[in-house]
């Protein structure tokens, strides 16, 4: 049995679930134009490789400060249904079917309460995301730990594998679209770039990694 690591946004799904979440919050009247003005800078920093992942994750949690676990679940569940329906495609199903007898993990930088719901809809039991802090059943607006981003993804997979007694010395597959996931792809025996960004595409071609073009 192989270990399979799936990134979520623009990899297993065709779009960006966290971007869709911000639009969903706007539809629910929880954020306004000022929120999106601030988001522009984070988007610019992401594209240039300078994103402060801690600051960005806390920014995304601001609209949820003071909300209970149940209130956030009531937002996340219908949102996840929309996203899974909109962003799943034939590749989503092919990859899940290809690895249906393997140990599959959804490893995302997206907020965990969203990853949980989407993972469940995709039939993936094990997932990692960026964990929000909850105290006395209420979201505080900060994080539990650090964002599940880049090297942290690999650290958490290794920790999980150790605790579960799962070998990472045999076949490990990793799928991602982003240069930020280079550590996870380098960790894998079989790195696969899915519609990779320019930097990841160049590295994938240099190293002769498998590249999946979603359009074909």
Protein backbone atom coordinates (compact mmCIF):
# COMPACT_ATOMS: atom_id res chain seq x y z
CA UNK A 1 0.00 0.00 0.00
CA UNK A 2 1.36 3.39 -0.99
CA UNK A 3 1.07 6.65 0.92
CA UNK A 4 -0.53 9.37 -1.19
CA UNK A 5 -0.39 13.09 -0.36
CA UNK A 6 -2.88 15.34 -2.13
CA UNK A 7 -2.74 19.12 -2.07
CA UNK A 8 -6.28 20.50 -2.30
CA UNK A 9 -6.61 23.80 -4.16
CA UNK A 10 -5.86 23.72 -7.89
CA UNK A 11 -4.69 20.13 -7.49
CA UNK A 12 -7.34 17.69 -6.32
CA UNK A 13 -9.89 20.45 -6.96
CA UNK A 14 -9.86 22.73 -9.98
CA UNK A 15 -10.12 25.97 -8.01
CA UNK A 16 -9.10 27.78 -4.83
CA UNK A 17 -11.38 26.83 -1.95
CA UNK A 18 -10.03 29.52 0.35
CA UNK A 19 -10.64 32.23 -2.25
CA UNK A 20 -14.15 30.87 -2.69
CA UNK A 21 -14.59 30.95 1.10
CA UNK A 22 -13.92 34.70 1.23
CA UNK A 23 -16.56 35.29 -1.44
CA UNK A 24 -18.95 33.07 0.51
CA UNK A 25 -18.35 35.14 3.65
CA UNK A 26 -19.24 38.24 1.65
CA UNK A 27 -22.48 36.62 0.49
CA UNK A 28 -23.28 35.87 4.13
CA UNK A 29 -22.69 39.52 5.06
CA UNK A 30 -19.68 38.70 7.24
CA UNK A 31 -17.07 40.73 5.33
CA UNK A 32 -17.12 43.91 3.27
CA UNK A 33 -15.00 45.85 0.82
CA UNK A 34 -12.38 46.74 3.41
CA UNK A 35 -11.67 43.04 3.90
CA UNK A 36 -11.03 42.56 0.18
CA UNK A 37 -8.84 45.66 -0.01
CA UNK A 38 -6.59 44.10 2.63
CA UNK A 39 -6.68 40.77 0.84
CA UNK A 40 -5.21 42.28 -2.33
CA UNK A 41 -1.85 42.77 -0.60
CA UNK A 42 -1.80 39.20 0.67
CA UNK A 43 -2.56 37.95 -2.86
CA UNK A 44 0.28 40.06 -4.25
CA UNK A 45 2.67 38.78 -1.60
CA UNK A 46 1.67 35.19 -2.34
CA UNK A 47 2.44 35.54 -6.04
CA UNK A 48 5.80 37.15 -5.31
CA UNK A 49 6.79 34.51 -2.75
CA UNK A 50 6.72 36.90 0.23
CA UNK A 51 3.48 35.82 1.90
CA UNK A 52 3.40 36.01 5.70
CA UNK A 53 1.37 32.84 6.17
CA UNK A 54 0.70 33.46 9.85
CA UNK A 55 -0.64 36.97 9.23
CA UNK A 56 -2.73 35.76 6.29
CA UNK A 57 -4.28 32.89 8.22
CA UNK A 58 -5.17 35.19 11.14
CA UNK A 59 -6.65 37.66 8.65
CA UNK A 60 -8.91 34.92 7.28
CA UNK A 61 -10.09 34.08 10.78
CA UNK A 62 -11.03 37.65 11.73
CA UNK A 63 -14.66 37.33 10.54
CA UNK A 64 -15.10 34.28 12.79
CA UNK A 65 -13.90 35.77 16.07
CA UNK A 66 -16.43 34.97 18.79
CA UNK A 67 -18.35 32.44 16.71
CA UNK A 68 -19.07 29.03 18.19
CA UNK A 69 -18.01 25.71 16.69
CA UNK A 70 -21.64 25.09 15.73
CA UNK A 71 -21.99 28.47 14.02
CA UNK A 72 -18.87 27.89 11.93
CA UNK A 73 -20.02 24.38 11.02
CA UNK A 74 -23.32 25.83 9.76
CA UNK A 75 -21.30 28.04 7.46
CA UNK A 76 -18.73 25.45 6.40
CA UNK A 77 -21.00 22.52 5.54
CA UNK A 78 -23.11 24.17 2.79
CA UNK A 79 -20.01 25.96 1.52
CA UNK A 80 -18.16 22.66 1.17
CA UNK A 81 -21.05 21.18 -0.81
CA UNK A 82 -20.90 24.13 -3.22
CA UNK A 83 -17.13 23.91 -3.62
CA UNK A 84 -17.04 20.15 -4.10
CA UNK A 85 -19.74 20.41 -6.74
CA UNK A 86 -18.13 23.36 -8.53
CA UNK A 87 -14.46 22.40 -8.36
CA UNK A 88 -14.50 18.60 -8.69
CA UNK A 89 -13.81 17.33 -12.19
CA UNK A 90 -12.87 14.13 -13.99
CA UNK A 91 -9.27 14.36 -12.74
CA UNK A 92 -10.49 14.61 -9.16
CA UNK A 93 -12.32 11.34 -9.58
CA UNK A 94 -9.53 9.64 -11.55
CA UNK A 95 -6.91 10.38 -8.91
CA UNK A 96 -9.10 9.23 -6.04
CA UNK A 97 -10.04 6.07 -7.94
CA UNK A 98 -6.41 5.39 -8.91
CA UNK A 99 -5.39 5.40 -5.25
CA UNK A 100 -8.52 3.88 -3.72
CA UNK A 101 -6.52 1.02 -2.19
CA UNK A 102 -3.76 3.30 -0.88
CA UNK A 103 -3.44 5.42 2.27
CA UNK A 104 -4.57 8.85 1.06
CA UNK A 105 -4.05 12.10 2.95
CA UNK A 106 -5.44 15.50 2.04
CA UNK A 107 -2.66 17.93 3.01
CA UNK A 108 -3.70 21.56 2.62
CA UNK A 109 -2.79 25.03 3.84
CA UNK A 110 -6.50 25.87 3.87
CA UNK A 111 -8.24 26.31 7.23
CA UNK A 112 -8.89 22.89 8.79
CA UNK A 113 -12.61 23.30 9.37
CA UNK A 114 -13.01 23.73 5.61
CA UNK A 115 -10.62 20.91 4.72
CA UNK A 116 -12.53 18.59 7.07
CA UNK A 117 -15.82 19.11 5.27
CA UNK A 118 -14.35 18.90 1.77
CA UNK A 119 -12.28 15.84 2.66
CA UNK A 120 -15.39 14.07 3.92
CA UNK A 121 -17.25 14.80 0.68
CA UNK A 122 -14.31 13.46 -1.35
CA UNK A 123 -14.24 10.28 0.72
CA UNK A 124 -10.81 10.94 2.23
CA UNK A 125 -10.62 10.03 5.91
CA UNK A 126 -7.34 11.69 6.87
CA UNK A 127 -6.62 15.37 6.36
CA UNK A 128 -4.42 18.18 7.57
CA UNK A 129 -5.07 21.90 7.32
CA UNK A 130 -4.28 25.09 9.17
CA UNK A 131 -5.81 24.76 12.63
CA UNK A 132 -7.77 27.60 14.19
CA UNK A 133 -7.60 28.09 17.94
CA UNK A 134 -10.83 27.36 19.80
CA UNK A 135 -11.34 28.16 23.47
CA UNK A 136 -14.49 27.29 25.40
CA UNK A 137 -16.11 26.29 22.12
CA UNK A 138 -15.47 29.68 20.49
CA UNK A 139 -13.08 30.74 17.71
CA UNK A 140 -10.50 33.18 19.08
CA UNK A 141 -9.25 34.50 15.73
CA UNK A 142 -5.75 33.10 16.09
CA UNK A 143 -4.09 29.80 15.22
CA UNK A 144 -3.36 26.59 17.04
CA UNK A 145 0.25 26.05 16.03
CA UNK A 146 1.51 27.40 12.71
CA UNK A 147 0.02 27.39 9.20
CA UNK A 148 0.13 24.02 7.43
CA UNK A 149 2.32 25.42 4.72
CA UNK A 150 5.42 24.24 2.85
CA UNK A 151 7.79 22.41 5.26
CA UNK A 152 5.06 22.17 7.91
CA UNK A 153 3.10 19.84 5.62
CA UNK A 154 6.00 17.38 5.59
CA UNK A 155 6.51 17.66 9.34
CA UNK A 156 2.87 16.85 10.05
CA UNK A 157 2.81 13.94 7.62
CA UNK A 158 5.93 12.46 9.26
CA UNK A 159 4.43 12.96 12.72
CA UNK A 160 1.17 11.30 11.66
CA UNK A 161 3.01 8.40 10.01
CA UNK A 162 5.07 7.79 13.17
CA UNK A 163 2.02 7.84 15.44
CA UNK A 164 0.00 5.60 13.09
CA UNK A 165 2.85 3.21 12.37
CA UNK A 166 2.74 3.97 8.65
CA UNK A 167 5.97 3.56 6.69
CA UNK A 168 7.25 6.48 4.65
CA UNK A 169 10.18 4.43 3.38
CA UNK A 170 8.26 2.65 0.62
CA UNK A 171 6.08 4.27 -2.04
CA UNK A 172 5.07 7.86 -1.35
CA UNK A 173 3.18 9.84 -3.99
CA UNK A 174 2.62 13.60 -3.77
CA UNK A 175 0.43 15.78 -5.97
CA UNK A 176 0.56 19.58 -6.06
CA UNK A 177 0.33 22.62 -8.33
CA UNK A 178 2.47 25.01 -6.29
CA UNK A 179 6.15 25.80 -5.80
CA UNK A 180 5.28 26.30 -2.14
CA UNK A 181 4.77 22.53 -1.94
CA UNK A 182 8.27 21.76 -3.19
CA UNK A 183 9.25 20.25 0.20
CA UNK A 184 6.31 17.83 0.03
CA UNK A 185 7.11 16.88 -3.56
CA UNK A 186 10.78 16.35 -2.72
CA UNK A 187 9.72 14.17 0.22
CA UNK A 188 7.83 11.85 -2.13
CA UNK A 189 9.22 8.99 -4.18
CA UNK A 190 6.79 9.90 -6.94
CA UNK A 191 6.24 13.68 -7.18
CA UNK A 192 3.49 14.72 -9.58
CA UNK A 193 2.91 18.34 -10.61
CA UNK A 194 -0.71 19.12 -11.52
CA UNK A 195 -1.09 22.19 -13.74
CA UNK A 196 2.02 23.57 -12.03
CA UNK A 197 2.85 27.25 -11.63
CA UNK A 198 5.80 28.50 -13.69
CA UNK A 199 8.45 27.88 -11.03
CA UNK A 200 7.25 24.38 -10.24
CA UNK A 201 6.87 23.53 -13.91
CA UNK A 202 10.49 24.49 -14.58
CA UNK A 203 11.76 22.39 -11.69
CA UNK A 204 9.52 19.47 -12.67
CA UNK A 205 10.83 19.52 -16.21
CA UNK A 206 14.45 19.74 -15.02
CA UNK A 207 13.98 16.80 -12.67
CA UNK A 208 11.81 14.85 -15.11
CA UNK A 209 8.89 14.66 -12.68
CA UNK A 210 5.47 13.68 -13.98
CA UNK A 211 3.39 16.68 -15.04
CA UNK A 212 -0.40 16.44 -15.39
CA UNK A 213 -2.11 18.90 -17.69
CA UNK A 214 -5.69 19.13 -16.48
CA UNK A 215 -6.92 20.22 -19.91
CA UNK A 216 -5.85 16.96 -21.56
